[in-house]
């Protein structure tokens, strides 16, 4: 008889994950509101040695100091989304510069669809 172990990943129920800057040190990190404790926040900081986001929330029952808890995964997903948005914006800027250099002028509809305004 073979035993199987299944592990389900938990998800964040909170609507917001805060990206904050410590005024005294200048360090940037995420604050993730705890789902189980109304007054608790988990600090998720970048660990340069481990090359991963790590949760140091004192109330984290999933993986204190780990990189696989739901708080660390949420911070990682936020950063991936931010990077994807930056790539899209950079591509739009490069297309706009190419259009300017070529003398090509966009119509109003093409401009609004290209740059996502008035949507």
PDB file of N, CA and C in Angstrom:
ATOM      1  N   UNK A   1       0.844  -1.169   0.000  1.00  0.00           N
ATOM      2  CA  UNK A   1       0.000   0.000   0.000  1.00  0.00           C
ATOM      3  C   UNK A   1       0.893   1.238   0.000  1.00  0.00           C
ATOM      4  N   UNK A   2       0.612   2.123  -0.900  1.00  0.00           N
ATOM      5  CA  UNK A   2       1.406   3.338  -1.053  1.00  0.00           C
ATOM      6  C   UNK A   2       0.642   4.517  -0.463  1.00  0.00           C
ATOM      7  N   UNK A   3       1.317   5.270   0.394  1.00  0.00           N
ATOM      8  CA  UNK A   3       0.684   6.432   1.015  1.00  0.00           C
ATOM      9  C   UNK A   3       0.970   7.672   0.156  1.00  0.00           C
ATOM     10  N   UNK A   4      -0.042   8.472  -0.049  1.00  0.00           N
ATOM     11  CA  UNK A   4       0.141   9.722  -0.782  1.00  0.00           C
ATOM     12  C   UNK A   4      -0.115  10.893   0.149  1.00  0.00           C
ATOM     13  N   UNK A   5       0.709  11.903  -0.019  1.00  0.00           N
ATOM     14  CA  UNK A   5       0.566  13.115   0.778  1.00  0.00           C
ATOM     15  C   UNK A   5       0.122  14.217  -0.171  1.00  0.00           C
ATOM     16  N   UNK A   6      -0.974  14.831   0.167  1.00  0.00           N
ATOM     17  CA  UNK A   6      -1.446  15.954  -0.647  1.00  0.00           C
ATOM     18  C   UNK A   6      -1.332  17.223   0.171  1.00  0.00           C
ATOM     19  N   UNK A   7      -0.925  18.267  -0.503  1.00  0.00           N
ATOM     20  CA  UNK A   7      -0.773  19.554   0.170  1.00  0.00           C
ATOM     21  C   UNK A   7      -1.543  20.587  -0.642  1.00  0.00           C
ATOM     22  N   UNK A   8      -2.466  21.241   0.002  1.00  0.00           N
ATOM     23  CA  UNK A   8      -3.222  22.272  -0.700  1.00  0.00           C
ATOM     24  C   UNK A   8      -2.640  23.630  -0.344  1.00  0.00           C
ATOM     25  N   UNK A   9      -2.472  24.462  -1.351  1.00  0.00           N
ATOM     26  CA  UNK A   9      -1.957  25.801  -1.111  1.00  0.00           C
ATOM     27  C   UNK A   9      -3.087  26.705  -0.654  1.00  0.00           C
ATOM     28  N   UNK A  10      -2.802  27.457   0.374  1.00  0.00           N
ATOM     29  CA  UNK A  10      -3.791  28.399   0.881  1.00  0.00           C
ATOM     30  C   UNK A  10      -3.675  29.704   0.120  1.00  0.00           C
ATOM     31  N   UNK A  11      -4.722  30.489   0.168  1.00  0.00           N
ATOM     32  CA  UNK A  11      -4.700  31.773  -0.536  1.00  0.00           C
ATOM     33  C   UNK A  11      -5.066  32.889   0.441  1.00  0.00           C
ATOM     34  N   UNK A  12      -4.692  34.092   0.051  1.00  0.00           N
ATOM     35  CA  UNK A  12      -4.964  35.273   0.864  1.00  0.00           C
ATOM     36  C   UNK A  12      -6.418  35.696   0.655  1.00  0.00           C
ATOM     37  N   UNK A  13      -7.129  35.925   1.741  1.00  0.00           N
ATOM     38  CA  UNK A  13      -8.514  36.379   1.647  1.00  0.00           C
ATOM     39  C   UNK A  13      -8.617  37.905   1.669  1.00  0.00           C
ATOM     40  N   UNK A  14      -7.534  38.590   2.035  1.00  0.00           N
ATOM     41  CA  UNK A  14      -7.556  40.046   2.136  1.00  0.00           C
ATOM     42  C   UNK A  14      -7.527  40.688   0.754  1.00  0.00           C
ATOM     43  N   UNK A  15      -8.152  41.843   0.650  1.00  0.00           N
ATOM     44  CA  UNK A  15      -8.247  42.531  -0.635  1.00  0.00           C
ATOM     45  C   UNK A  15      -6.992  43.327  -0.960  1.00  0.00           C
ATOM     46  N   UNK A  16      -6.189  43.687   0.031  1.00  0.00           N
ATOM     47  CA  UNK A  16      -5.039  44.554  -0.221  1.00  0.00           C
ATOM     48  C   UNK A  16      -3.776  43.984   0.408  1.00  0.00           C
ATOM     49  N   UNK A  17      -2.706  44.164  -0.329  1.00  0.00           N
ATOM     50  CA  UNK A  17      -1.370  43.853   0.169  1.00  0.00           C
ATOM     51  C   UNK A  17      -0.603  45.153   0.058  1.00  0.00           C
ATOM     52  N   UNK A  18      -0.015  45.608   1.138  1.00  0.00           N
ATOM     53  CA  UNK A  18       0.600  46.930   1.169  1.00  0.00           C
ATOM     54  C   UNK A  18       2.101  46.855   0.913  1.00  0.00           C
ATOM     55  N   UNK A  19       2.598  47.695   0.011  1.00  0.00           N
ATOM     56  CA  UNK A  19       4.029  47.816  -0.249  1.00  0.00           C
ATOM     57  C   UNK A  19       4.475  49.081   0.458  1.00  0.00           C
ATOM     58  N   UNK A  20       5.279  48.942   1.504  1.00  0.00           N
ATOM     59  CA  UNK A  20       5.611  50.069   2.367  1.00  0.00           C
ATOM     60  C   UNK A  20       7.112  50.313   2.411  1.00  0.00           C
ATOM     61  N   UNK A  21       7.472  51.504   2.869  1.00  0.00           N
ATOM     62  CA  UNK A  21       8.865  51.871   3.062  1.00  0.00           C
ATOM     63  C   UNK A  21       9.067  52.244   4.523  1.00  0.00           C
ATOM     64  N   UNK A  22      10.030  51.623   5.155  1.00  0.00           N
ATOM     65  CA  UNK A  22      10.378  51.936   6.530  1.00  0.00           C
ATOM     66  C   UNK A  22      11.087  53.289   6.534  1.00  0.00           C
ATOM     67  N   UNK A  23      10.528  54.260   7.231  1.00  0.00           N
ATOM     68  CA  UNK A  23      11.089  55.618   7.209  1.00  0.00           C
ATOM     69  C   UNK A  23      12.479  55.689   7.832  1.00  0.00           C
ATOM     70  N   UNK A  24      12.746  54.892   8.823  1.00  0.00           N
ATOM     71  CA  UNK A  24      14.050  54.976   9.483  1.00  0.00           C
ATOM     72  C   UNK A  24      15.165  54.323   8.681  1.00  0.00           C
ATOM     73  N   UNK A  25      14.882  53.180   8.064  1.00  0.00           N
ATOM     74  CA  UNK A  25      15.943  52.464   7.338  1.00  0.00           C
ATOM     75  C   UNK A  25      15.842  52.601   5.821  1.00  0.00           C
ATOM     76  N   UNK A  26      14.669  52.974   5.332  1.00  0.00           N
ATOM     77  CA  UNK A  26      14.472  53.056   3.893  1.00  0.00           C
ATOM     78  C   UNK A  26      14.163  51.714   3.245  1.00  0.00           C
ATOM     79  N   UNK A  27      14.086  50.667   4.032  1.00  0.00           N
ATOM     80  CA  UNK A  27      13.806  49.330   3.511  1.00  0.00           C
ATOM     81  C   UNK A  27      12.373  49.258   2.982  1.00  0.00           C
ATOM     82  N   UNK A  28      12.204  48.574   1.861  1.00  0.00           N
ATOM     83  CA  UNK A  28      10.869  48.389   1.276  1.00  0.00           C
ATOM     84  C   UNK A  28      10.455  46.937   1.475  1.00  0.00           C
ATOM     85  N   UNK A  29       9.199  46.766   1.864  1.00  0.00           N
ATOM     86  CA  UNK A  29       8.684  45.424   2.098  1.00  0.00           C
ATOM     87  C   UNK A  29       7.164  45.439   2.004  1.00  0.00           C
ATOM     88  N   UNK A  30       6.580  44.261   2.059  1.00  0.00           N
ATOM     89  CA  UNK A  30       5.130  44.117   1.998  1.00  0.00           C
ATOM     90  C   UNK A  30       4.575  43.881   3.396  1.00  0.00           C
ATOM     91  N   UNK A  31       3.395  44.436   3.640  1.00  0.00           N
ATOM     92  CA  UNK A  31       2.616  44.112   4.827  1.00  0.00           C
ATOM     93  C   UNK A  31       1.355  43.411   4.345  1.00  0.00           C
ATOM     94  N   UNK A  32       1.151  42.216   4.848  1.00  0.00           N
ATOM     95  CA  UNK A  32      -0.012  41.421   4.460  1.00  0.00           C
ATOM     96  C   UNK A  32      -0.865  41.222   5.702  1.00  0.00           C
ATOM     97  N   UNK A  33      -2.110  41.670   5.630  1.00  0.00           N
ATOM     98  CA  UNK A  33      -3.035  41.529   6.768  1.00  0.00           C
ATOM     99  C   UNK A  33      -3.329  40.062   6.987  1.00  0.00           C
ATOM    100  N   UNK A  34      -3.280  39.669   8.231  1.00  0.00           N
ATOM    101  CA  UNK A  34      -3.552  38.285   8.590  1.00  0.00           C
ATOM    102  C   UNK A  34      -5.032  37.971   8.411  1.00  0.00           C
ATOM    103  N   UNK A  35      -5.327  36.791   7.918  1.00  0.00           N
ATOM    104  CA  UNK A  35      -6.713  36.339   7.798  1.00  0.00           C
ATOM    105  C   UNK A  35      -7.250  35.846   9.134  1.00  0.00           C
ATOM    106  N   UNK A  36      -6.356  35.347   9.983  1.00  0.00           N
ATOM    107  CA  UNK A  36      -6.813  34.717  11.223  1.00  0.00           C
ATOM    108  C   UNK A  36      -6.767  35.643  12.437  1.00  0.00           C
ATOM    109  N   UNK A  37      -5.969  36.710  12.374  1.00  0.00           N
ATOM    110  CA  UNK A  37      -5.829  37.622  13.509  1.00  0.00           C
ATOM    111  C   UNK A  37      -6.143  39.038  13.034  1.00  0.00           C
ATOM    112  N   UNK A  38      -7.158  39.655  13.616  1.00  0.00           N
ATOM    113  CA  UNK A  38      -7.625  40.958  13.123  1.00  0.00           C
ATOM    114  C   UNK A  38      -6.609  42.078  13.303  1.00  0.00           C
ATOM    115  N   UNK A  39      -5.739  41.990  14.290  1.00  0.00           N
ATOM    116  CA  UNK A  39      -4.774  43.053  14.569  1.00  0.00           C
ATOM    117  C   UNK A  39      -3.367  42.726  14.076  1.00  0.00           C
ATOM    118  N   UNK A  40      -3.206  41.659  13.322  1.00  0.00           N
ATOM    119  CA  UNK A  40      -1.869  41.186  12.952  1.00  0.00           C
ATOM    120  C   UNK A  40      -1.567  41.434  11.478  1.00  0.00           C
ATOM    121  N   UNK A  41      -0.315  41.760  11.214  1.00  0.00           N
ATOM    122  CA  UNK A  41       0.191  41.900   9.852  1.00  0.00           C
ATOM    123  C   UNK A  41       1.447  41.049   9.728  1.00  0.00           C
ATOM    124  N   UNK A  42       1.644  40.501   8.556  1.00  0.00           N
ATOM    125  CA  UNK A  42       2.848  39.732   8.276  1.00  0.00           C
ATOM    126  C   UNK A  42       3.775  40.597   7.437  1.00  0.00           C
ATOM    127  N   UNK A  43       5.031  40.697   7.849  1.00  0.00           N
ATOM    128  CA  UNK A  43       6.024  41.418   7.068  1.00  0.00           C
ATOM    129  C   UNK A  43       6.665  40.431   6.103  1.00  0.00           C
ATOM    130  N   UNK A  44       6.651  40.788   4.841  1.00  0.00           N
ATOM    131  CA  UNK A  44       7.274  39.947   3.826  1.00  0.00           C
ATOM    132  C   UNK A  44       8.387  40.777   3.200  1.00  0.00           C
ATOM    133  N   UNK A  45       9.622  40.337   3.418  1.00  0.00           N
ATOM    134  CA  UNK A  45      10.797  41.082   2.955  1.00  0.00           C
ATOM    135  C   UNK A  45      11.611  40.248   1.977  1.00  0.00           C
ATOM    136  N   UNK A  46      12.345  40.943   1.118  1.00  0.00           N
ATOM    137  CA  UNK A  46      13.219  40.274   0.166  1.00  0.00           C
ATOM    138  C   UNK A  46      14.475  39.813   0.894  1.00  0.00           C
ATOM    139  N   UNK A  47      14.815  38.543   0.744  1.00  0.00           N
ATOM    140  CA  UNK A  47      16.016  37.980   1.339  1.00  0.00           C
ATOM    141  C   UNK A  47      17.036  37.779   0.223  1.00  0.00           C
ATOM    142  N   UNK A  48      18.080  38.605   0.220  1.00  0.00           N
ATOM    143  CA  UNK A  48      19.074  38.561  -0.859  1.00  0.00           C
ATOM    144  C   UNK A  48      19.885  37.277  -0.856  1.00  0.00           C
ATOM    145  N   UNK A  49      20.067  36.674   0.296  1.00  0.00           N
ATOM    146  CA  UNK A  49      20.808  35.413   0.357  1.00  0.00           C
ATOM    147  C   UNK A  49      19.997  34.263  -0.224  1.00  0.00           C
ATOM    148  N   UNK A  50      18.715  34.243   0.062  1.00  0.00           N
ATOM    149  CA  UNK A  50      17.853  33.161  -0.432  1.00  0.00           C
ATOM    150  C   UNK A  50      17.241  33.476  -1.789  1.00  0.00           C
ATOM    151  N   UNK A  51      17.356  34.756  -2.196  1.00  0.00           N
ATOM    152  CA  UNK A  51      16.766  35.226  -3.453  1.00  0.00           C
ATOM    153  C   UNK A  51      15.277  34.916  -3.513  1.00  0.00           C
ATOM    154  N   UNK A  52      14.593  35.261  -2.423  1.00  0.00           N
ATOM    155  CA  UNK A  52      13.159  34.990  -2.341  1.00  0.00           C
ATOM    156  C   UNK A  52      12.521  35.939  -1.333  1.00  0.00           C
ATOM    157  N   UNK A  53      11.205  36.090  -1.461  1.00  0.00           N
ATOM    158  CA  UNK A  53      10.436  36.840  -0.469  1.00  0.00           C
ATOM    159  C   UNK A  53      10.214  35.923   0.717  1.00  0.00           C
ATOM    160  N   UNK A  54      10.479  36.426   1.919  1.00  0.00           N
ATOM    161  CA  UNK A  54      10.318  35.617   3.117  1.00  0.00           C
ATOM    162  C   UNK A  54       9.364  36.289   4.090  1.00  0.00           C
ATOM    163  N   UNK A  55       8.551  35.499   4.709  1.00  0.00           N
ATOM    164  CA  UNK A  55       7.572  35.991   5.680  1.00  0.00           C
ATOM    165  C   UNK A  55       8.170  35.874   7.064  1.00  0.00           C
ATOM    166  N   UNK A  56       8.144  36.972   7.797  1.00  0.00           N
ATOM    167  CA  UNK A  56       8.612  36.916   9.175  1.00  0.00           C
ATOM    168  C   UNK A  56       7.490  37.277  10.135  1.00  0.00           C
ATOM    169  N   UNK A  57       6.273  37.077   9.679  1.00  0.00           N
ATOM    170  CA  UNK A  57       5.134  37.358  10.546  1.00  0.00           C
ATOM    171  C   UNK A  57       5.159  36.467  11.763  1.00  0.00           C
ATOM    172  N   UNK A  58       5.090  37.080  12.929  1.00  0.00           N
ATOM    173  CA  UNK A  58       5.190  36.294  14.155  1.00  0.00           C
ATOM    174  C   UNK A  58       3.991  35.373  14.355  1.00  0.00           C
ATOM    175  N   UNK A  59       2.914  35.632  13.638  1.00  0.00           N
ATOM    176  CA  UNK A  59       1.726  34.799  13.781  1.00  0.00           C
ATOM    177  C   UNK A  59       1.526  33.865  12.599  1.00  0.00           C
ATOM    178  N   UNK A  60       2.531  33.751  11.753  1.00  0.00           N
ATOM    179  CA  UNK A  60       2.388  32.910  10.561  1.00  0.00           C
ATOM    180  C   UNK A  60       2.471  31.443  10.966  1.00  0.00           C
ATOM    181  N   UNK A  61       1.353  30.757  10.843  1.00  0.00           N
ATOM    182  CA  UNK A  61       1.335  29.346  11.219  1.00  0.00           C
ATOM    183  C   UNK A  61       1.724  28.449  10.049  1.00  0.00           C
ATOM    184  N   UNK A  62       1.937  29.048   8.880  1.00  0.00           N
ATOM    185  CA  UNK A  62       2.222  28.239   7.696  1.00  0.00           C
ATOM    186  C   UNK A  62       3.706  27.940   7.540  1.00  0.00           C
ATOM    187  N   UNK A  63       4.543  28.946   7.582  1.00  0.00           N
ATOM    188  CA  UNK A  63       5.975  28.715   7.387  1.00  0.00           C
ATOM    189  C   UNK A  63       6.742  29.946   7.843  1.00  0.00           C
ATOM    190  N   UNK A  64       6.827  30.143   9.113  1.00  0.00           N
ATOM    191  CA  UNK A  64       7.503  31.323   9.663  1.00  0.00           C
ATOM    192  C   UNK A  64       8.934  31.396   9.134  1.00  0.00           C
ATOM    193  N   UNK A  65       9.263  32.530   8.539  1.00  0.00           N
ATOM    194  CA  UNK A  65      10.595  32.696   7.971  1.00  0.00           C
ATOM    195  C   UNK A  65      10.776  31.961   6.658  1.00  0.00           C
ATOM    196  N   UNK A  66       9.692  31.404   6.161  1.00  0.00           N
ATOM    197  CA  UNK A  66       9.789  30.610   4.942  1.00  0.00           C
ATOM    198  C   UNK A  66       9.434  31.384   3.693  1.00  0.00           C
ATOM    199  N   UNK A  67       9.586  30.730   2.587  1.00  0.00           N
ATOM    200  CA  UNK A  67       9.320  31.354   1.297  1.00  0.00           C
ATOM    201  C   UNK A  67       8.090  30.774   0.622  1.00  0.00           C
ATOM    202  N   UNK A  68       7.441  29.805   1.242  1.00  0.00           N
ATOM    203  CA  UNK A  68       6.316  29.136   0.587  1.00  0.00           C
ATOM    204  C   UNK A  68       4.974  29.402   1.243  1.00  0.00           C
ATOM    205  N   UNK A  69       4.952  30.192   2.310  1.00  0.00           N
ATOM    206  CA  UNK A  69       3.660  30.476   2.942  1.00  0.00           C
ATOM    207  C   UNK A  69       2.839  31.383   2.023  1.00  0.00           C
ATOM    208  N   UNK A  70       1.568  31.502   2.297  1.00  0.00           N
ATOM    209  CA  UNK A  70       0.683  32.275   1.423  1.00  0.00           C
ATOM    210  C   UNK A  70       1.048  33.748   1.388  1.00  0.00           C
ATOM    211  N   UNK A  71       1.658  34.267   2.438  1.00  0.00           N
ATOM    212  CA  UNK A  71       2.029  35.676   2.479  1.00  0.00           C
ATOM    213  C   UNK A  71       3.205  35.949   1.537  1.00  0.00           C
ATOM    214  N   UNK A  72       4.211  35.085   1.573  1.00  0.00           N
ATOM    215  CA  UNK A  72       5.365  35.226   0.681  1.00  0.00           C
ATOM    216  C   UNK A  72       4.944  35.008  -0.774  1.00  0.00           C
ATOM    217  N   UNK A  73       4.068  34.040  -1.013  1.00  0.00           N
ATOM    218  CA  UNK A  73       3.578  33.797  -2.385  1.00  0.00           C
ATOM    219  C   UNK A  73       2.802  35.004  -2.897  1.00  0.00           C
ATOM    220  N   UNK A  74       2.003  35.639  -2.031  1.00  0.00           N
ATOM    221  CA  UNK A  74       1.229  36.816  -2.444  1.00  0.00           C
ATOM    222  C   UNK A  74       2.160  37.954  -2.837  1.00  0.00           C
ATOM    223  N   UNK A  75       3.218  38.187  -2.060  1.00  0.00           N
ATOM    224  CA  UNK A  75       4.181  39.243  -2.391  1.00  0.00           C
ATOM    225  C   UNK A  75       4.871  38.942  -3.710  1.00  0.00           C
ATOM    226  N   UNK A  76       5.223  37.702  -3.918  1.00  0.00           N
ATOM    227  CA  UNK A  76       5.873  37.305  -5.171  1.00  0.00           C
ATOM    228  C   UNK A  76       4.950  37.531  -6.366  1.00  0.00           C
ATOM    229  N   UNK A  77       3.679  37.193  -6.209  1.00  0.00           N
ATOM    230  CA  UNK A  77       2.713  37.399  -7.297  1.00  0.00           C
ATOM    231  C   UNK A  77       2.519  38.875  -7.601  1.00  0.00           C
ATOM    232  N   UNK A  78       2.488  39.713  -6.557  1.00  0.00           N
ATOM    233  CA  UNK A  78       2.352  41.159  -6.760  1.00  0.00           C
ATOM    234  C   UNK A  78       3.541  41.688  -7.556  1.00  0.00           C
ATOM    235  N   UNK A  79       4.740  41.245  -7.198  1.00  0.00           N
ATOM    236  CA  UNK A  79       5.929  41.703  -7.915  1.00  0.00           C
ATOM    237  C   UNK A  79       5.929  41.216  -9.364  1.00  0.00           C
ATOM    238  N   UNK A  80       5.454  40.018  -9.612  1.00  0.00           N
ATOM    239  CA  UNK A  80       5.356  39.518 -10.990  1.00  0.00           C
ATOM    240  C   UNK A  80       4.386  40.364 -11.797  1.00  0.00           C
ATOM    241  N   UNK A  81       3.259  40.734 -11.200  1.00  0.00           N
ATOM    242  CA  UNK A  81       2.292  41.585 -11.889  1.00  0.00           C
ATOM    243  C   UNK A  81       2.862  42.968 -12.166  1.00  0.00           C
ATOM    244  N   UNK A  82       3.622  43.514 -11.205  1.00  0.00           N
ATOM    245  CA  UNK A  82       4.247  44.826 -11.409  1.00  0.00           C
ATOM    246  C   UNK A  82       5.260  44.772 -12.545  1.00  0.00           C
ATOM    247  N   UNK A  83       6.058  43.696 -12.584  1.00  0.00           N
ATOM    248  CA  UNK A  83       7.045  43.558 -13.663  1.00  0.00           C
ATOM    249  C   UNK A  83       6.357  43.438 -15.012  1.00  0.00           C
ATOM    250  N   UNK A  84       5.274  42.679 -15.081  1.00  0.00           N
ATOM    251  CA  UNK A  84       4.539  42.527 -16.340  1.00  0.00           C
ATOM    252  C   UNK A  84       3.975  43.863 -16.798  1.00  0.00           C
ATOM    253  N   UNK A  85       3.463  44.664 -15.865  1.00  0.00           N
ATOM    254  CA  UNK A  85       2.942  45.985 -16.218  1.00  0.00           C
ATOM    255  C   UNK A  85       4.061  46.889 -16.728  1.00  0.00           C
ATOM    256  N   UNK A  86       5.235  46.810 -16.101  1.00  0.00           N
ATOM    257  CA  UNK A  86       6.376  47.615 -16.552  1.00  0.00           C
ATOM    258  C   UNK A  86       6.800  47.234 -17.960  1.00  0.00           C
ATOM    259  N   UNK A  87       6.793  45.947 -18.252  1.00  0.00           N
ATOM    260  CA  UNK A  87       7.160  45.475 -19.595  1.00  0.00           C
ATOM    261  C   UNK A  87       6.170  45.998 -20.621  1.00  0.00           C
ATOM    262  N   UNK A  88       4.868  45.955 -20.305  1.00  0.00           N
ATOM    263  CA  UNK A  88       3.852  46.462 -21.227  1.00  0.00           C
ATOM    264  C   UNK A  88       4.030  47.963 -21.463  1.00  0.00           C
ATOM    265  N   UNK A  89       4.266  48.723 -20.396  1.00  0.00           N
ATOM    266  CA  UNK A  89       4.457  50.169 -20.533  1.00  0.00           C
ATOM    267  C   UNK A  89       5.705  50.492 -21.350  1.00  0.00           C
ATOM    268  N   UNK A  90       6.776  49.753 -21.110  1.00  0.00           N
ATOM    269  CA  UNK A  90       8.008  49.975 -21.866  1.00  0.00           C
ATOM    270  C   UNK A  90       7.781  49.698 -23.344  1.00  0.00           C
ATOM    271  N   UNK A  91       7.051  48.640 -23.657  1.00  0.00           N
ATOM    272  CA  UNK A  91       6.765  48.309 -25.058  1.00  0.00           C
ATOM    273  C   UNK A  91       5.918  49.408 -25.705  1.00  0.00           C
ATOM    274  N   UNK A  92       4.938  49.946 -24.982  1.00  0.00           N
ATOM    275  CA  UNK A  92       4.123  51.038 -25.515  1.00  0.00           C
ATOM    276  C   UNK A  92       4.969  52.274 -25.785  1.00  0.00           C
ATOM    277  N   UNK A  93       5.866  52.586 -24.860  1.00  0.00           N
ATOM    278  CA  UNK A  93       6.730  53.757 -25.056  1.00  0.00           C
ATOM    279  C   UNK A  93       7.647  53.578 -26.263  1.00  0.00           C
ATOM    280  N   UNK A  94       8.175  52.378 -26.421  1.00  0.00           N
ATOM    281  CA  UNK A  94       9.046  52.120 -27.570  1.00  0.00           C
ATOM    282  C   UNK A  94       8.281  52.225 -28.886  1.00  0.00           C
ATOM    283  N   UNK A  95       7.036  51.726 -28.921  1.00  0.00           N
ATOM    284  CA  UNK A  95       6.213  51.844 -30.132  1.00  0.00           C
ATOM    285  C   UNK A  95       5.918  53.310 -30.435  1.00  0.00           C
ATOM    286  N   UNK A  96       5.633  54.078 -29.382  1.00  0.00           N
ATOM    287  CA  UNK A  96       5.351  55.502 -29.573  1.00  0.00           C
ATOM    288  C   UNK A  96       6.578  56.227 -30.119  1.00  0.00           C
ATOM    289  N   UNK A  97       7.755  55.910 -29.609  1.00  0.00           N
ATOM    290  CA  UNK A  97       8.981  56.533 -30.114  1.00  0.00           C
ATOM    291  C   UNK A  97       9.249  56.155 -31.566  1.00  0.00           C
ATOM    292  N   UNK A  98       9.008  54.883 -31.907  1.00  0.00           N
ATOM    293  CA  UNK A  98       9.180  54.457 -33.313  1.00  0.00           C
ATOM    294  C   UNK A  98       8.216  55.208 -34.212  1.00  0.00           C
ATOM    295  N   UNK A  99       6.974  55.390 -33.757  1.00  0.00           N
ATOM    296  CA  UNK A  99       5.991  56.126 -34.548  1.00  0.00           C
ATOM    297  C   UNK A  99       6.408  57.583 -34.730  1.00  0.00           C
ATOM    298  N   UNK A 100       6.934  58.184 -33.666  1.00  0.00           N
ATOM    299  CA  UNK A 100       7.405  59.566 -33.777  1.00  0.00           C
ATOM    300  C   UNK A 100       8.579  59.680 -34.738  1.00  0.00           C
ATOM    301  N   UNK A 101       9.498  58.739 -34.637  1.00  0.00           N
ATOM    302  CA  UNK A 101      10.687  58.776 -35.491  1.00  0.00           C
ATOM    303  C   UNK A 101      10.322  58.560 -36.961  1.00  0.00           C
ATOM    304  N   UNK A 102       9.304  57.754 -37.205  1.00  0.00           N
ATOM    305  CA  UNK A 102       8.920  57.470 -38.592  1.00  0.00           C
ATOM    306  C   UNK A 102       7.984  58.531 -39.156  1.00  0.00           C
ATOM    307  N   UNK A 103       7.511  59.416 -38.299  1.00  0.00           N
ATOM    308  CA  UNK A 103       6.585  60.453 -38.747  1.00  0.00           C
ATOM    309  C   UNK A 103       5.156  59.952 -38.845  1.00  0.00           C
ATOM    310  N   UNK A 104       4.934  58.712 -38.450  1.00  0.00           N
ATOM    311  CA  UNK A 104       3.583  58.136 -38.495  1.00  0.00           C
ATOM    312  C   UNK A 104       2.744  58.746 -37.371  1.00  0.00           C
ATOM    313  N   UNK A 105       1.556  59.183 -37.714  1.00  0.00           N
ATOM    314  CA  UNK A 105       0.668  59.791 -36.732  1.00  0.00           C
ATOM    315  C   UNK A 105      -0.516  58.861 -36.515  1.00  0.00           C
ATOM    316  N   UNK A 106      -0.837  58.595 -35.244  1.00  0.00           N
ATOM    317  CA  UNK A 106      -1.943  57.708 -34.911  1.00  0.00           C
ATOM    318  C   UNK A 106      -3.256  58.473 -34.906  1.00  0.00           C
ATOM    319  N   UNK A 107      -4.303  57.783 -35.313  1.00  0.00           N
ATOM    320  CA  UNK A 107      -5.636  58.374 -35.198  1.00  0.00           C
ATOM    321  C   UNK A 107      -6.026  58.376 -33.713  1.00  0.00           C
ATOM    322  N   UNK A 108      -7.070  59.107 -33.394  1.00  0.00           N
ATOM    323  CA  UNK A 108      -7.501  59.176 -31.990  1.00  0.00           C
ATOM    324  C   UNK A 108      -7.868  57.796 -31.468  1.00  0.00           C
ATOM    325  N   UNK A 109      -8.603  57.012 -32.256  1.00  0.00           N
ATOM    326  CA  UNK A 109      -8.997  55.669 -31.831  1.00  0.00           C
ATOM    327  C   UNK A 109      -7.780  54.765 -31.631  1.00  0.00           C
ATOM    328  N   UNK A 110      -6.841  54.842 -32.555  1.00  0.00           N
ATOM    329  CA  UNK A 110      -5.631  54.025 -32.442  1.00  0.00           C
ATOM    330  C   UNK A 110      -4.819  54.445 -31.214  1.00  0.00           C
ATOM    331  N   UNK A 111      -4.742  55.742 -30.960  1.00  0.00           N
ATOM    332  CA  UNK A 111      -3.992  56.248 -29.815  1.00  0.00           C
ATOM    333  C   UNK A 111      -4.624  55.769 -28.504  1.00  0.00           C
ATOM    334  N   UNK A 112      -5.938  55.895 -28.374  1.00  0.00           N
ATOM    335  CA  UNK A 112      -6.598  55.494 -27.130  1.00  0.00           C
ATOM    336  C   UNK A 112      -6.524  53.985 -26.916  1.00  0.00           C
ATOM    337  N   UNK A 113      -6.600  53.206 -27.989  1.00  0.00           N
ATOM    338  CA  UNK A 113      -6.470  51.759 -27.812  1.00  0.00           C
ATOM    339  C   UNK A 113      -5.026  51.375 -27.506  1.00  0.00           C
ATOM    340  N   UNK A 114      -4.074  52.087 -28.086  1.00  0.00           N
ATOM    341  CA  UNK A 114      -2.651  51.800 -27.853  1.00  0.00           C
ATOM    342  C   UNK A 114      -2.242  52.115 -26.421  1.00  0.00           C
ATOM    343  N   UNK A 115      -2.680  53.250 -25.896  1.00  0.00           N
ATOM    344  CA  UNK A 115      -2.213  53.699 -24.605  1.00  0.00           C
ATOM    345  C   UNK A 115      -3.232  53.516 -23.481  1.00  0.00           C
ATOM    346  N   UNK A 116      -4.363  52.917 -23.794  1.00  0.00           N
ATOM    347  CA  UNK A 116      -5.304  52.522 -22.763  1.00  0.00           C
ATOM    348  C   UNK A 116      -5.987  53.648 -22.022  1.00  0.00           C
ATOM    349  N   UNK A 117      -6.130  54.803 -22.647  1.00  0.00           N
ATOM    350  CA  UNK A 117      -6.840  55.892 -21.977  1.00  0.00           C
ATOM    351  C   UNK A 117      -8.278  55.924 -22.463  1.00  0.00           C
ATOM    352  N   UNK A 118      -9.142  56.493 -21.683  1.00  0.00           N
ATOM    353  CA  UNK A 118     -10.577  56.602 -21.975  1.00  0.00           C
ATOM    354  C   UNK A 118     -11.233  55.232 -22.085  1.00  0.00           C
ATOM    355  N   UNK A 119     -10.758  54.292 -21.338  1.00  0.00           N
ATOM    356  CA  UNK A 119     -11.367  52.954 -21.381  1.00  0.00           C
ATOM    357  C   UNK A 119     -12.066  52.653 -20.088  1.00  0.00           C
TER     358      UNK A 119
END
